[in-house]
Amino acid sequence: MAYTQKHLDLVERAIARGEKVVRYEDRTVEYRTVAELIQARDLIRTELASASGPRSRVVRLYHGGKGL
């Protein structure tokens, strides 16, 4: 399933409130535990990150010399 940022927001809001039910448009999902809801959040985050493409690489250079 293709998740959107709205899906992630709804799941995070449910976690913050301690709820186990998430409603989106015409669908309702009831999770057994909050831990299961947290696993769903992690899955959505992973899929959103992979869908956005590879992360850019940051290279930091360090020079330990005295300078001028």
PDB file of N, CA and C in Angstrom:
ATOM      1  N   MET A   1       0.836  -1.175   0.000  1.00  0.00           N
ATOM      2  CA  MET A   1       0.000   0.000   0.000  1.00  0.00           C
ATOM      3  C   MET A   1       0.882   1.241   0.000  1.00  0.00           C
ATOM      4  N   ALA A   2       0.487   2.235  -0.746  1.00  0.00           N
ATOM      5  CA  ALA A   2       1.235   3.484  -0.796  1.00  0.00           C
ATOM      6  C   ALA A   2       0.731   4.405   0.306  1.00  0.00           C
ATOM      7  N   TYR A   3       1.601   4.686   1.256  1.00  0.00           N
ATOM      8  CA  TYR A   3       1.241   5.552   2.368  1.00  0.00           C
ATOM      9  C   TYR A   3       1.567   6.992   2.036  1.00  0.00           C
ATOM     10  N   THR A   4       0.850   7.889   2.675  1.00  0.00           N
ATOM     11  CA  THR A   4       1.105   9.317   2.513  1.00  0.00           C
ATOM     12  C   THR A   4       1.444   9.917   3.877  1.00  0.00           C
ATOM     13  N   GLN A   5       1.853  11.176   3.850  1.00  0.00           N
ATOM     14  CA  GLN A   5       2.157  11.869   5.099  1.00  0.00           C
ATOM     15  C   GLN A   5       0.914  11.967   5.973  1.00  0.00           C
ATOM     16  N   LYS A   6      -0.254  12.050   5.357  1.00  0.00           N
ATOM     17  CA  LYS A   6      -1.503  12.122   6.126  1.00  0.00           C
ATOM     18  C   LYS A   6      -1.714  10.843   6.933  1.00  0.00           C
ATOM     19  N   HIS A   7      -1.392   9.683   6.352  1.00  0.00           N
ATOM     20  CA  HIS A   7      -1.491   8.419   7.091  1.00  0.00           C
ATOM     21  C   HIS A   7      -0.598   8.458   8.323  1.00  0.00           C
ATOM     22  N   LEU A   8       0.630   8.911   8.137  1.00  0.00           N
ATOM     23  CA  LEU A   8       1.577   8.985   9.244  1.00  0.00           C
ATOM     24  C   LEU A   8       1.072   9.938  10.325  1.00  0.00           C
ATOM     25  N   ASP A   9       0.541  11.087   9.922  1.00  0.00           N
ATOM     26  CA  ASP A   9       0.024  12.055  10.889  1.00  0.00           C
ATOM     27  C   ASP A   9      -1.119  11.464  11.714  1.00  0.00           C
ATOM     28  N   LEU A  10      -2.022  10.739  11.060  1.00  0.00           N
ATOM     29  CA  LEU A  10      -3.155  10.137  11.773  1.00  0.00           C
ATOM     30  C   LEU A  10      -2.697   9.086  12.776  1.00  0.00           C
ATOM     31  N   VAL A  11      -1.724   8.281  12.387  1.00  0.00           N
ATOM     32  CA  VAL A  11      -1.217   7.243  13.286  1.00  0.00           C
ATOM     33  C   VAL A  11      -0.492   7.876  14.468  1.00  0.00           C
ATOM     34  N   GLU A  12       0.318   8.891  14.208  1.00  0.00           N
ATOM     35  CA  GLU A  12       1.027   9.560  15.295  1.00  0.00           C
ATOM     36  C   GLU A  12       0.057  10.259  16.248  1.00  0.00           C
ATOM     37  N   ARG A  13      -1.012  10.821  15.720  1.00  0.00           N
ATOM     38  CA  ARG A  13      -2.014  11.459  16.564  1.00  0.00           C
ATOM     39  C   ARG A  13      -2.697  10.428  17.459  1.00  0.00           C
ATOM     40  N   ALA A  14      -2.994   9.256  16.910  1.00  0.00           N
ATOM     41  CA  ALA A  14      -3.613   8.196  17.707  1.00  0.00           C
ATOM     42  C   ALA A  14      -2.673   7.724  18.815  1.00  0.00           C
ATOM     43  N   ILE A  15      -1.390   7.614  18.503  1.00  0.00           N
ATOM     44  CA  ILE A  15      -0.403   7.204  19.516  1.00  0.00           C
ATOM     45  C   ILE A  15      -0.350   8.241  20.631  1.00  0.00           C
ATOM     46  N   ALA A  16      -0.325   9.516  20.261  1.00  0.00           N
ATOM     47  CA  ALA A  16      -0.239  10.584  21.252  1.00  0.00           C
ATOM     48  C   ALA A  16      -1.453  10.594  22.179  1.00  0.00           C
ATOM     49  N   ARG A  17      -2.606  10.243  21.652  1.00  0.00           N
ATOM     50  CA  ARG A  17      -3.834  10.232  22.447  1.00  0.00           C
ATOM     51  C   ARG A  17      -4.058   8.918  23.184  1.00  0.00           C
ATOM     52  N   GLY A  18      -3.259   7.916  22.861  1.00  0.00           N
ATOM     53  CA  GLY A  18      -3.435   6.612  23.484  1.00  0.00           C
ATOM     54  C   GLY A  18      -4.581   5.815  22.901  1.00  0.00           C
ATOM     55  N   GLU A  19      -5.030   6.192  21.722  1.00  0.00           N
ATOM     56  CA  GLU A  19      -6.128   5.498  21.048  1.00  0.00           C
ATOM     57  C   GLU A  19      -5.586   4.323  20.249  1.00  0.00           C
ATOM     58  N   LYS A  20      -6.457   3.374  19.968  1.00  0.00           N
ATOM     59  CA  LYS A  20      -6.056   2.219  19.163  1.00  0.00           C
ATOM     60  C   LYS A  20      -6.842   2.156  17.859  1.00  0.00           C
ATOM     61  N   VAL A  21      -7.627   3.189  17.564  1.00  0.00           N
ATOM     62  CA  VAL A  21      -8.446   3.227  16.350  1.00  0.00           C
ATOM     63  C   VAL A  21      -7.987   4.393  15.491  1.00  0.00           C
ATOM     64  N   VAL A  22      -7.780   4.123  14.197  1.00  0.00           N
ATOM     65  CA  VAL A  22      -7.386   5.155  13.239  1.00  0.00           C
ATOM     66  C   VAL A  22      -8.434   5.181  12.138  1.00  0.00           C
ATOM     67  N   ARG A  23      -8.961   6.376  11.870  1.00  0.00           N
ATOM     68  CA  ARG A  23      -9.967   6.536  10.815  1.00  0.00           C
ATOM     69  C   ARG A  23      -9.382   7.403   9.705  1.00  0.00           C
ATOM     70  N   TYR A  24      -9.548   6.942   8.455  1.00  0.00           N
ATOM     71  CA  TYR A  24      -9.071   7.687   7.300  1.00  0.00           C
ATOM     72  C   TYR A  24     -10.113   7.545   6.205  1.00  0.00           C
ATOM     73  N   GLU A  25     -10.711   8.664   5.829  1.00  0.00           N
ATOM     74  CA  GLU A  25     -11.782   8.709   4.837  1.00  0.00           C
ATOM     75  C   GLU A  25     -12.867   7.704   5.209  1.00  0.00           C
ATOM     76  N   ASP A  26     -13.054   6.662   4.424  1.00  0.00           N
ATOM     77  CA  ASP A  26     -14.135   5.703   4.693  1.00  0.00           C
ATOM     78  C   ASP A  26     -13.632   4.436   5.385  1.00  0.00           C
ATOM     79  N   ARG A  27     -12.373   4.435   5.821  1.00  0.00           N
ATOM     80  CA  ARG A  27     -11.790   3.239   6.441  1.00  0.00           C
ATOM     81  C   ARG A  27     -11.525   3.457   7.928  1.00  0.00           C
ATOM     82  N   THR A  28     -11.679   2.382   8.688  1.00  0.00           N
ATOM     83  CA  THR A  28     -11.367   2.390  10.106  1.00  0.00           C
ATOM     84  C   THR A  28     -10.520   1.167  10.411  1.00  0.00           C
ATOM     85  N   VAL A  29      -9.401   1.396  11.092  1.00  0.00           N
ATOM     86  CA  VAL A  29      -8.521   0.302  11.480  1.00  0.00           C
ATOM     87  C   VAL A  29      -8.394   0.336  12.995  1.00  0.00           C
ATOM     88  N   GLU A  30      -8.644  -0.807  13.641  1.00  0.00           N
ATOM     89  CA  GLU A  30      -8.480  -0.895  15.082  1.00  0.00           C
ATOM     90  C   GLU A  30      -7.318  -1.826  15.381  1.00  0.00           C
ATOM     91  N   TYR A  31      -6.332  -1.302  16.083  1.00  0.00           N
ATOM     92  CA  TYR A  31      -5.152  -2.080  16.448  1.00  0.00           C
ATOM     93  C   TYR A  31      -5.393  -2.726  17.809  1.00  0.00           C
ATOM     94  N   ARG A  32      -4.757  -3.856  18.040  1.00  0.00           N
ATOM     95  CA  ARG A  32      -4.949  -4.568  19.305  1.00  0.00           C
ATOM     96  C   ARG A  32      -4.256  -3.864  20.465  1.00  0.00           C
ATOM     97  N   THR A  33      -3.067  -3.338  20.206  1.00  0.00           N
ATOM     98  CA  THR A  33      -2.306  -2.668  21.259  1.00  0.00           C
ATOM     99  C   THR A  33      -1.670  -1.401  20.693  1.00  0.00           C
ATOM    100  N   VAL A  34      -1.236  -0.540  21.581  1.00  0.00           N
ATOM    101  CA  VAL A  34      -0.523   0.659  21.156  1.00  0.00           C
ATOM    102  C   VAL A  34       0.828   0.264  20.557  1.00  0.00           C
ATOM    103  N   ALA A  35       1.421  -0.810  21.053  1.00  0.00           N
ATOM    104  CA  ALA A  35       2.697  -1.296  20.499  1.00  0.00           C
ATOM    105  C   ALA A  35       2.535  -1.674  19.028  1.00  0.00           C
ATOM    106  N   GLU A  36       1.406  -2.276  18.692  1.00  0.00           N
ATOM    107  CA  GLU A  36       1.135  -2.629  17.294  1.00  0.00           C
ATOM    108  C   GLU A  36       0.970  -1.362  16.459  1.00  0.00           C
ATOM    109  N   LEU A  37       0.371  -0.347  17.037  1.00  0.00           N
ATOM    110  CA  LEU A  37       0.211   0.936  16.363  1.00  0.00           C
ATOM    111  C   LEU A  37       1.577   1.587  16.122  1.00  0.00           C
ATOM    112  N   ILE A  38       2.473   1.455  17.076  1.00  0.00           N
ATOM    113  CA  ILE A  38       3.826   1.995  16.919  1.00  0.00           C
ATOM    114  C   ILE A  38       4.576   1.258  15.813  1.00  0.00           C
ATOM    115  N   GLN A  39       4.372  -0.047  15.703  1.00  0.00           N
ATOM    116  CA  GLN A  39       4.991  -0.808  14.613  1.00  0.00           C
ATOM    117  C   GLN A  39       4.466  -0.328  13.269  1.00  0.00           C
ATOM    118  N   ALA A  40       3.174  -0.036  13.196  1.00  0.00           N
ATOM    119  CA  ALA A  40       2.585   0.486  11.954  1.00  0.00           C
ATOM    120  C   ALA A  40       3.200   1.839  11.611  1.00  0.00           C
ATOM    121  N   ARG A  41       3.397   2.686  12.627  1.00  0.00           N
ATOM    122  CA  ARG A  41       4.025   3.986  12.405  1.00  0.00           C
ATOM    123  C   ARG A  41       5.427   3.826  11.830  1.00  0.00           C
ATOM    124  N   ASP A  42       6.192   2.888  12.406  1.00  0.00           N
ATOM    125  CA  ASP A  42       7.554   2.659  11.929  1.00  0.00           C
ATOM    126  C   ASP A  42       7.564   2.158  10.487  1.00  0.00           C
ATOM    127  N   LEU A  43       6.613   1.304  10.156  1.00  0.00           N
ATOM    128  CA  LEU A  43       6.496   0.801   8.779  1.00  0.00           C
ATOM    129  C   LEU A  43       6.187   1.941   7.815  1.00  0.00           C
ATOM    130  N   ILE A  44       5.250   2.798   8.189  1.00  0.00           N
ATOM    131  CA  ILE A  44       4.882   3.927   7.328  1.00  0.00           C
ATOM    132  C   ILE A  44       6.074   4.858   7.149  1.00  0.00           C
ATOM    133  N   ARG A  45       6.804   5.141   8.231  1.00  0.00           N
ATOM    134  CA  ARG A  45       7.992   6.002   8.133  1.00  0.00           C
ATOM    135  C   ARG A  45       9.025   5.409   7.186  1.00  0.00           C
ATOM    136  N   THR A  46       9.250   4.104   7.295  1.00  0.00           N
ATOM    137  CA  THR A  46      10.235   3.432   6.436  1.00  0.00           C
ATOM    138  C   THR A  46       9.824   3.519   4.976  1.00  0.00           C
ATOM    139  N   GLU A  47       8.559   3.270   4.698  1.00  0.00           N
ATOM    140  CA  GLU A  47       8.097   3.304   3.310  1.00  0.00           C
ATOM    141  C   GLU A  47       8.117   4.713   2.742  1.00  0.00           C
ATOM    142  N   LEU A  48       7.778   5.702   3.555  1.00  0.00           N
ATOM    143  CA  LEU A  48       7.844   7.084   3.079  1.00  0.00           C
ATOM    144  C   LEU A  48       9.284   7.494   2.792  1.00  0.00           C
ATOM    145  N   ALA A  49      10.206   7.059   3.635  1.00  0.00           N
ATOM    146  CA  ALA A  49      11.617   7.402   3.426  1.00  0.00           C
ATOM    147  C   ALA A  49      12.160   6.743   2.167  1.00  0.00           C
ATOM    148  N   SER A  50      11.786   5.490   1.918  1.00  0.00           N
ATOM    149  CA  SER A  50      12.293   4.805   0.731  1.00  0.00           C
ATOM    150  C   SER A  50      11.637   5.331  -0.537  1.00  0.00           C
ATOM    151  N   ALA A  51      10.413   5.831  -0.442  1.00  0.00           N
ATOM    152  CA  ALA A  51       9.726   6.361  -1.615  1.00  0.00           C
ATOM    153  C   ALA A  51      10.288   7.714  -2.035  1.00  0.00           C
ATOM    154  N   SER A  52      10.892   8.424  -1.094  1.00  0.00           N
ATOM    155  CA  SER A  52      11.416   9.747  -1.418  1.00  0.00           C
ATOM    156  C   SER A  52      12.764   9.682  -2.123  1.00  0.00           C
ATOM    157  N   GLY A  53      13.302   8.489  -2.291  1.00  0.00           N
ATOM    158  CA  GLY A  53      14.569   8.344  -2.991  1.00  0.00           C
ATOM    159  C   GLY A  53      15.726   8.272  -2.026  1.00  0.00           C
ATOM    160  N   PRO A  54      16.917   8.117  -2.560  1.00  0.00           N
ATOM    161  CA  PRO A  54      18.084   7.998  -1.685  1.00  0.00           C
ATOM    162  C   PRO A  54      18.383   9.323  -0.977  1.00  0.00           C
ATOM    163  N   ARG A  55      18.869   9.194   0.240  1.00  0.00           N
ATOM    164  CA  ARG A  55      19.235  10.384   1.002  1.00  0.00           C
ATOM    165  C   ARG A  55      20.526  10.964   0.449  1.00  0.00           C
ATOM    166  N   SER A  56      20.629  12.265   0.527  1.00  0.00           N
ATOM    167  CA  SER A  56      21.856  12.891   0.050  1.00  0.00           C
ATOM    168  C   SER A  56      22.974  12.629   1.054  1.00  0.00           C
ATOM    169  N   ARG A  57      24.175  12.573   0.546  1.00  0.00           N
ATOM    170  CA  ARG A  57      25.330  12.275   1.381  1.00  0.00           C
ATOM    171  C   ARG A  57      26.015  13.570   1.777  1.00  0.00           C
ATOM    172  N   VAL A  58      26.376  13.667   3.020  1.00  0.00           N
ATOM    173  CA  VAL A  58      27.091  14.836   3.528  1.00  0.00           C
ATOM    174  C   VAL A  58      28.507  14.395   3.863  1.00  0.00           C
ATOM    175  N   VAL A  59      29.471  15.117   3.334  1.00  0.00           N
ATOM    176  CA  VAL A  59      30.874  14.817   3.600  1.00  0.00           C
ATOM    177  C   VAL A  59      31.455  15.989   4.369  1.00  0.00           C
ATOM    178  N   ARG A  60      32.009  15.708   5.529  1.00  0.00           N
ATOM    179  CA  ARG A  60      32.634  16.753   6.336  1.00  0.00           C
ATOM    180  C   ARG A  60      34.142  16.519   6.347  1.00  0.00           C
ATOM    181  N   LEU A  61      34.863  17.585   6.078  1.00  0.00           N
ATOM    182  CA  LEU A  61      36.315  17.505   6.075  1.00  0.00           C
ATOM    183  C   LEU A  61      36.854  18.181   7.330  1.00  0.00           C
ATOM    184  N   TYR A  62      37.889  17.614   7.887  1.00  0.00           N
ATOM    185  CA  TYR A  62      38.488  18.173   9.094  1.00  0.00           C
ATOM    186  C   TYR A  62      39.988  18.286   8.876  1.00  0.00           C
ATOM    187  N   HIS A  63      40.500  19.431   9.246  1.00  0.00           N
ATOM    188  CA  HIS A  63      41.944  19.643   9.137  1.00  0.00           C
ATOM    189  C   HIS A  63      42.467  19.955  10.530  1.00  0.00           C
ATOM    190  N   GLY A  64      43.372  19.157  11.023  1.00  0.00           N
ATOM    191  CA  GLY A  64      43.879  19.329  12.369  1.00  0.00           C
ATOM    192  C   GLY A  64      45.175  20.114  12.452  1.00  0.00           C
ATOM    193  N   GLY A  65      45.551  20.746  11.356  1.00  0.00           N
ATOM    194  CA  GLY A  65      46.806  21.499  11.357  1.00  0.00           C
ATOM    195  C   GLY A  65      46.658  22.877  11.993  1.00  0.00           C
ATOM    196  N   LYS A  66      47.771  23.600  12.056  1.00  0.00           N
ATOM    197  CA  LYS A  66      47.774  24.922  12.665  1.00  0.00           C
ATOM    198  C   LYS A  66      47.162  25.989  11.791  1.00  0.00           C
ATOM    199  N   GLY A  67      47.182  25.796  10.521  1.00  0.00           N
ATOM    200  CA  GLY A  67      46.688  26.843   9.634  1.00  0.00           C
ATOM    201  C   GLY A  67      47.765  27.877   9.377  1.00  0.00           C
ATOM    202  N   LEU A  68      47.391  29.094   9.091  1.00  0.00           N
ATOM    203  CA  LEU A  68      48.372  30.153   8.797  1.00  0.00           C
ATOM    204  C   LEU A  68      48.761  30.919  10.004  1.00  0.00           C
TER     205      LEU A  68
END
